[in-house]
């Protein structure tokens, strides 16, 4: 440390530290040793979205946009649930002695009761749930389809050349008008064109008064046609 001579040749004075002369100068000891031993004060940093999460979000968005763009479900979209004005028009199907029904009722019953297994377009799931589009059991004698809907099936069933093992629940708890609407929807959708259903077919199935489902296609073949 240098010293400045005092005026008149006296004892020299200690030099003034630079930190006292210039407030902006770096002090001789910026951080006391005691403070150096203390942990750093916490502070926050920016945490951007991980790139994997951002990529997953973009992928989901792209898949959703592609699904909407390629949706081929028929019907006018202005109704939200794809029903057209014709579907919502009153009473275009009526069974003998039964109440008049709109096609929308059969479509709604199918969506609530059947679509989970047989899919919205009636194509089923190969090897698991048989298709309804082009099915010989749907297009065949109406009495047989009425019996299937009323009592269900449990066992082996061959549909369009493929054998299915499983069970179909009974829908006998539905009203006769509802079974008629459902059967009519099955026989007139997805390219199916079969003879109209009648209330007499439903009543004939009720008259069987079964307690158990049909044991597969072999037992269904024994039904009167």
Protein backbone atom coordinates (compact mmCIF):
# COMPACT_ATOMS: atom_id res chain seq x y z
CA UNK A 1 0.00 0.00 0.00
CA UNK A 2 1.45 3.36 -0.95
CA UNK A 3 1.33 6.45 1.25
CA UNK A 4 1.02 10.10 0.45
CA UNK A 5 3.51 12.54 1.92
CA UNK A 6 1.93 14.95 4.35
CA UNK A 7 2.28 18.65 3.77
CA UNK A 8 5.43 20.09 5.27
CA UNK A 9 7.37 16.77 5.27
CA UNK A 10 5.60 15.20 8.27
CA UNK A 11 4.64 11.60 8.80
CA UNK A 12 3.14 10.19 5.58
CA UNK A 13 -0.57 9.47 5.53
CA UNK A 14 -1.95 6.05 4.45
CA UNK A 15 -3.31 6.04 0.94
CA UNK A 16 -7.09 6.17 0.66
CA UNK A 17 -8.49 2.86 -0.70
CA UNK A 18 -9.88 3.18 -4.23
CA UNK A 19 -13.25 1.92 -3.08
CA UNK A 20 -13.64 5.02 -0.91
CA UNK A 21 -12.56 7.37 -3.64
CA UNK A 22 -14.74 5.79 -6.35
CA UNK A 23 -18.08 4.28 -5.26
CA UNK A 24 -18.17 2.29 -8.53
CA UNK A 25 -14.80 0.66 -7.97
CA UNK A 26 -14.64 -3.04 -7.00
CA UNK A 27 -14.09 -3.40 -3.24
CA UNK A 28 -11.12 -5.35 -1.99
CA UNK A 29 -13.39 -8.07 -0.63
CA UNK A 30 -16.74 -8.12 -2.54
CA UNK A 31 -18.30 -10.95 -0.46
CA UNK A 32 -17.41 -11.53 3.18
CA UNK A 33 -16.28 -15.08 3.97
CA UNK A 34 -19.30 -15.60 6.21
CA UNK A 35 -21.65 -14.81 3.32
CA UNK A 36 -19.75 -17.07 0.94
CA UNK A 37 -20.60 -20.03 3.16
CA UNK A 38 -24.35 -19.31 2.96
CA UNK A 39 -26.49 -21.03 0.29
CA UNK A 40 -27.56 -19.04 -2.72
CA UNK A 41 -30.88 -17.26 -2.57
CA UNK A 42 -33.60 -19.09 -4.52
CA UNK A 43 -34.59 -17.68 -7.87
CA UNK A 44 -36.93 -18.68 -10.67
CA UNK A 45 -36.04 -19.48 -14.25
CA UNK A 46 -38.22 -19.79 -17.31
CA UNK A 47 -39.37 -23.41 -17.80
CA UNK A 48 -40.58 -23.89 -21.39
CA UNK A 49 -42.86 -26.79 -22.34
CA UNK A 50 -40.76 -29.94 -22.85
CA UNK A 51 -40.36 -30.65 -26.53
CA UNK A 52 -41.82 -34.14 -26.15
CA UNK A 53 -45.01 -32.73 -24.64
CA UNK A 54 -45.25 -30.11 -27.37
CA UNK A 55 -44.75 -32.78 -30.04
CA UNK A 56 -47.45 -34.98 -28.51
CA UNK A 57 -49.89 -32.06 -28.44
CA UNK A 58 -49.22 -31.23 -32.09
CA UNK A 59 -49.65 -34.89 -33.05
CA UNK A 60 -53.01 -35.14 -31.28
CA UNK A 61 -54.17 -31.94 -32.93
CA UNK A 62 -53.14 -33.24 -36.36
CA UNK A 63 -54.93 -36.56 -35.81
CA UNK A 64 -58.11 -34.78 -34.72
CA UNK A 65 -58.02 -32.45 -37.72
CA UNK A 66 -57.46 -35.40 -40.05
CA UNK A 67 -60.37 -37.32 -38.51
CA UNK A 68 -62.73 -34.41 -39.02
CA UNK A 69 -61.51 -33.84 -42.57
CA UNK A 70 -61.90 -37.50 -43.57
CA UNK A 71 -65.17 -38.17 -41.75
CA UNK A 72 -67.42 -40.01 -44.19
CA UNK A 73 -70.45 -40.48 -41.95
CA UNK A 74 -73.50 -39.77 -44.10
CA UNK A 75 -76.14 -37.18 -43.42
CA UNK A 76 -76.40 -33.45 -43.18
CA UNK A 77 -74.05 -31.96 -40.61
CA UNK A 78 -76.32 -29.01 -39.86
CA UNK A 79 -78.17 -31.15 -37.32
CA UNK A 80 -75.05 -31.90 -35.32
CA UNK A 81 -75.80 -35.61 -34.89
CA UNK A 82 -75.82 -36.21 -38.64
CA UNK A 83 -79.57 -36.66 -38.95
CA UNK A 84 -81.17 -35.13 -42.00
CA UNK A 85 -84.50 -33.34 -42.22
CA UNK A 86 -86.01 -36.48 -43.72
CA UNK A 87 -84.89 -38.52 -40.71
CA UNK A 88 -86.64 -36.11 -38.37
CA UNK A 89 -89.84 -35.97 -40.38
CA UNK A 90 -92.80 -37.62 -38.65
CA UNK A 91 -94.18 -41.07 -39.38
CA UNK A 92 -92.76 -42.59 -42.51
CA UNK A 93 -92.80 -46.21 -41.28
CA UNK A 94 -95.68 -48.01 -39.68
CA UNK A 95 -96.24 -51.61 -38.74
CA UNK A 96 -99.52 -53.40 -39.05
CA UNK A 97 -101.55 -52.29 -36.09
CA UNK A 98 -98.57 -50.39 -34.70
CA UNK A 99 -97.85 -46.73 -34.12
CA UNK A 100 -96.24 -44.67 -36.87
CA UNK A 101 -92.50 -44.29 -36.47
CA UNK A 102 -89.80 -41.97 -37.78
CA UNK A 103 -86.51 -43.42 -39.10
CA UNK A 104 -84.64 -41.37 -36.52
CA UNK A 105 -86.09 -43.53 -33.74
CA UNK A 106 -84.57 -46.70 -35.18
CA UNK A 107 -81.24 -44.95 -35.76
CA UNK A 108 -81.19 -43.65 -32.19
CA UNK A 109 -81.96 -47.11 -30.78
CA UNK A 110 -79.15 -48.61 -32.83
CA UNK A 111 -76.70 -45.94 -31.64
CA UNK A 112 -77.62 -46.57 -28.00
CA UNK A 113 -78.00 -50.34 -28.01
CA UNK A 114 -75.90 -51.81 -30.83
CA UNK A 115 -73.24 -49.46 -32.21
CA UNK A 116 -70.72 -50.14 -29.43
CA UNK A 117 -70.27 -53.70 -30.76
CA UNK A 118 -71.40 -53.60 -34.38
CA UNK A 119 -69.89 -50.13 -35.02
CA UNK A 120 -71.63 -47.04 -36.36
CA UNK A 121 -71.52 -48.20 -39.99
CA UNK A 122 -72.62 -51.76 -39.20
CA UNK A 123 -69.28 -53.27 -40.25
CA UNK A 124 -68.64 -54.97 -36.88
CA UNK A 125 -65.16 -56.07 -35.76
CA UNK A 126 -63.64 -58.96 -37.68
CA UNK A 127 -63.48 -62.10 -35.56
CA UNK A 128 -65.13 -60.40 -32.59
CA UNK A 129 -68.48 -58.83 -33.51
CA UNK A 130 -70.25 -59.86 -36.74
CA UNK A 131 -71.19 -57.26 -39.34
CA UNK A 132 -74.77 -56.19 -39.90
CA UNK A 133 -74.17 -54.73 -43.34
CA UNK A 134 -74.90 -57.53 -45.79
CA UNK A 135 -75.55 -60.05 -43.01
CA UNK A 136 -77.75 -62.98 -44.05
CA UNK A 137 -79.37 -62.90 -40.60
CA UNK A 138 -80.40 -59.26 -41.04
CA UNK A 139 -81.53 -59.63 -44.64
CA UNK A 140 -83.17 -63.02 -44.16
CA UNK A 141 -86.69 -63.86 -42.95
CA UNK A 142 -88.01 -61.06 -40.71
CA UNK A 143 -89.30 -63.59 -38.16
CA UNK A 144 -85.74 -64.79 -37.52
CA UNK A 145 -84.36 -61.28 -37.02
CA UNK A 146 -87.28 -60.48 -34.70
CA UNK A 147 -86.46 -63.56 -32.62
CA UNK A 148 -82.76 -62.64 -32.47
CA UNK A 149 -83.54 -59.12 -31.27
CA UNK A 150 -86.07 -60.35 -28.72
CA UNK A 151 -84.10 -63.19 -27.11
CA UNK A 152 -80.45 -62.73 -28.10
CA UNK A 153 -77.84 -65.32 -29.10
CA UNK A 154 -75.18 -67.26 -27.20
CA UNK A 155 -72.92 -69.56 -29.16
CA UNK A 156 -71.45 -70.11 -32.59
CA UNK A 157 -72.84 -68.02 -35.44
CA UNK A 158 -71.61 -67.89 -39.03
CA UNK A 159 -71.95 -64.51 -40.77
CA UNK A 160 -70.77 -63.90 -44.34
CA UNK A 161 -68.56 -66.97 -44.27
CA UNK A 162 -66.86 -66.24 -40.93
CA UNK A 163 -67.65 -67.96 -37.65
CA UNK A 164 -68.16 -65.86 -34.53
CA UNK A 165 -68.20 -67.10 -30.94
CA UNK A 166 -69.87 -64.88 -28.39
CA UNK A 167 -73.11 -63.61 -26.99
CA UNK A 168 -75.60 -60.96 -28.01
CA UNK A 169 -77.92 -59.59 -25.33
CA UNK A 170 -81.68 -59.75 -25.65
CA UNK A 171 -83.68 -56.61 -26.35
CA UNK A 172 -87.05 -58.00 -25.42
CA UNK A 173 -87.40 -55.27 -22.81
CA UNK A 174 -87.96 -52.75 -25.60
CA UNK A 175 -91.48 -51.90 -26.67
CA UNK A 176 -92.89 -53.55 -29.78
CA UNK A 177 -92.75 -50.21 -31.63
CA UNK A 178 -89.10 -49.80 -30.67
CA UNK A 179 -88.16 -53.30 -31.84
CA UNK A 180 -89.97 -52.60 -35.11
CA UNK A 181 -88.08 -49.33 -35.59
CA UNK A 182 -84.75 -50.98 -34.77
CA UNK A 183 -85.31 -53.93 -37.10
CA UNK A 184 -86.43 -51.61 -39.91
CA UNK A 185 -83.28 -49.54 -39.45
CA UNK A 186 -81.07 -52.64 -39.65
CA UNK A 187 -82.71 -53.87 -42.84
CA UNK A 188 -82.54 -50.52 -44.63
CA UNK A 189 -79.11 -49.11 -43.67
CA UNK A 190 -75.49 -49.49 -44.94
CA UNK A 191 -76.68 -50.77 -48.31
CA UNK A 192 -79.13 -53.30 -46.85
CA UNK A 193 -82.35 -53.59 -48.83
CA UNK A 194 -84.73 -56.13 -47.34
CA UNK A 195 -88.48 -56.55 -47.16
CA UNK A 196 -90.23 -54.25 -44.67
CA UNK A 197 -90.77 -55.39 -41.12
CA UNK A 198 -94.23 -55.62 -39.61
CA UNK A 199 -95.66 -55.66 -36.13
CA UNK A 200 -96.81 -59.23 -36.78
CA UNK A 201 -93.16 -60.34 -36.94
CA UNK A 202 -92.49 -58.84 -33.51
CA UNK A 203 -95.60 -60.42 -32.04
CA UNK A 204 -94.66 -63.83 -33.49
CA UNK A 205 -91.30 -63.60 -31.76
CA UNK A 206 -92.95 -62.65 -28.47
CA UNK A 207 -95.20 -65.70 -28.77
CA UNK A 208 -92.17 -68.02 -28.51
CA UNK A 209 -91.91 -67.05 -24.82
CA UNK A 210 -88.31 -68.19 -24.48
CA UNK A 211 -86.36 -67.84 -21.24
CA UNK A 212 -82.91 -68.34 -22.72
CA UNK A 213 -81.08 -66.89 -25.74
CA UNK A 214 -80.74 -68.95 -28.89
CA UNK A 215 -77.82 -71.39 -28.83
CA UNK A 216 -76.12 -70.10 -31.95
CA UNK A 217 -76.99 -70.41 -35.60
CA UNK A 218 -77.92 -74.11 -35.42
CA UNK A 219 -80.95 -73.35 -33.25
CA UNK A 220 -81.91 -70.28 -35.27
CA UNK A 221 -82.07 -72.45 -38.40
CA UNK A 222 -84.91 -74.43 -36.78
CA UNK A 223 -87.20 -71.40 -36.55
CA UNK A 224 -90.26 -71.35 -38.83
CA UNK A 225 -89.79 -69.15 -41.86
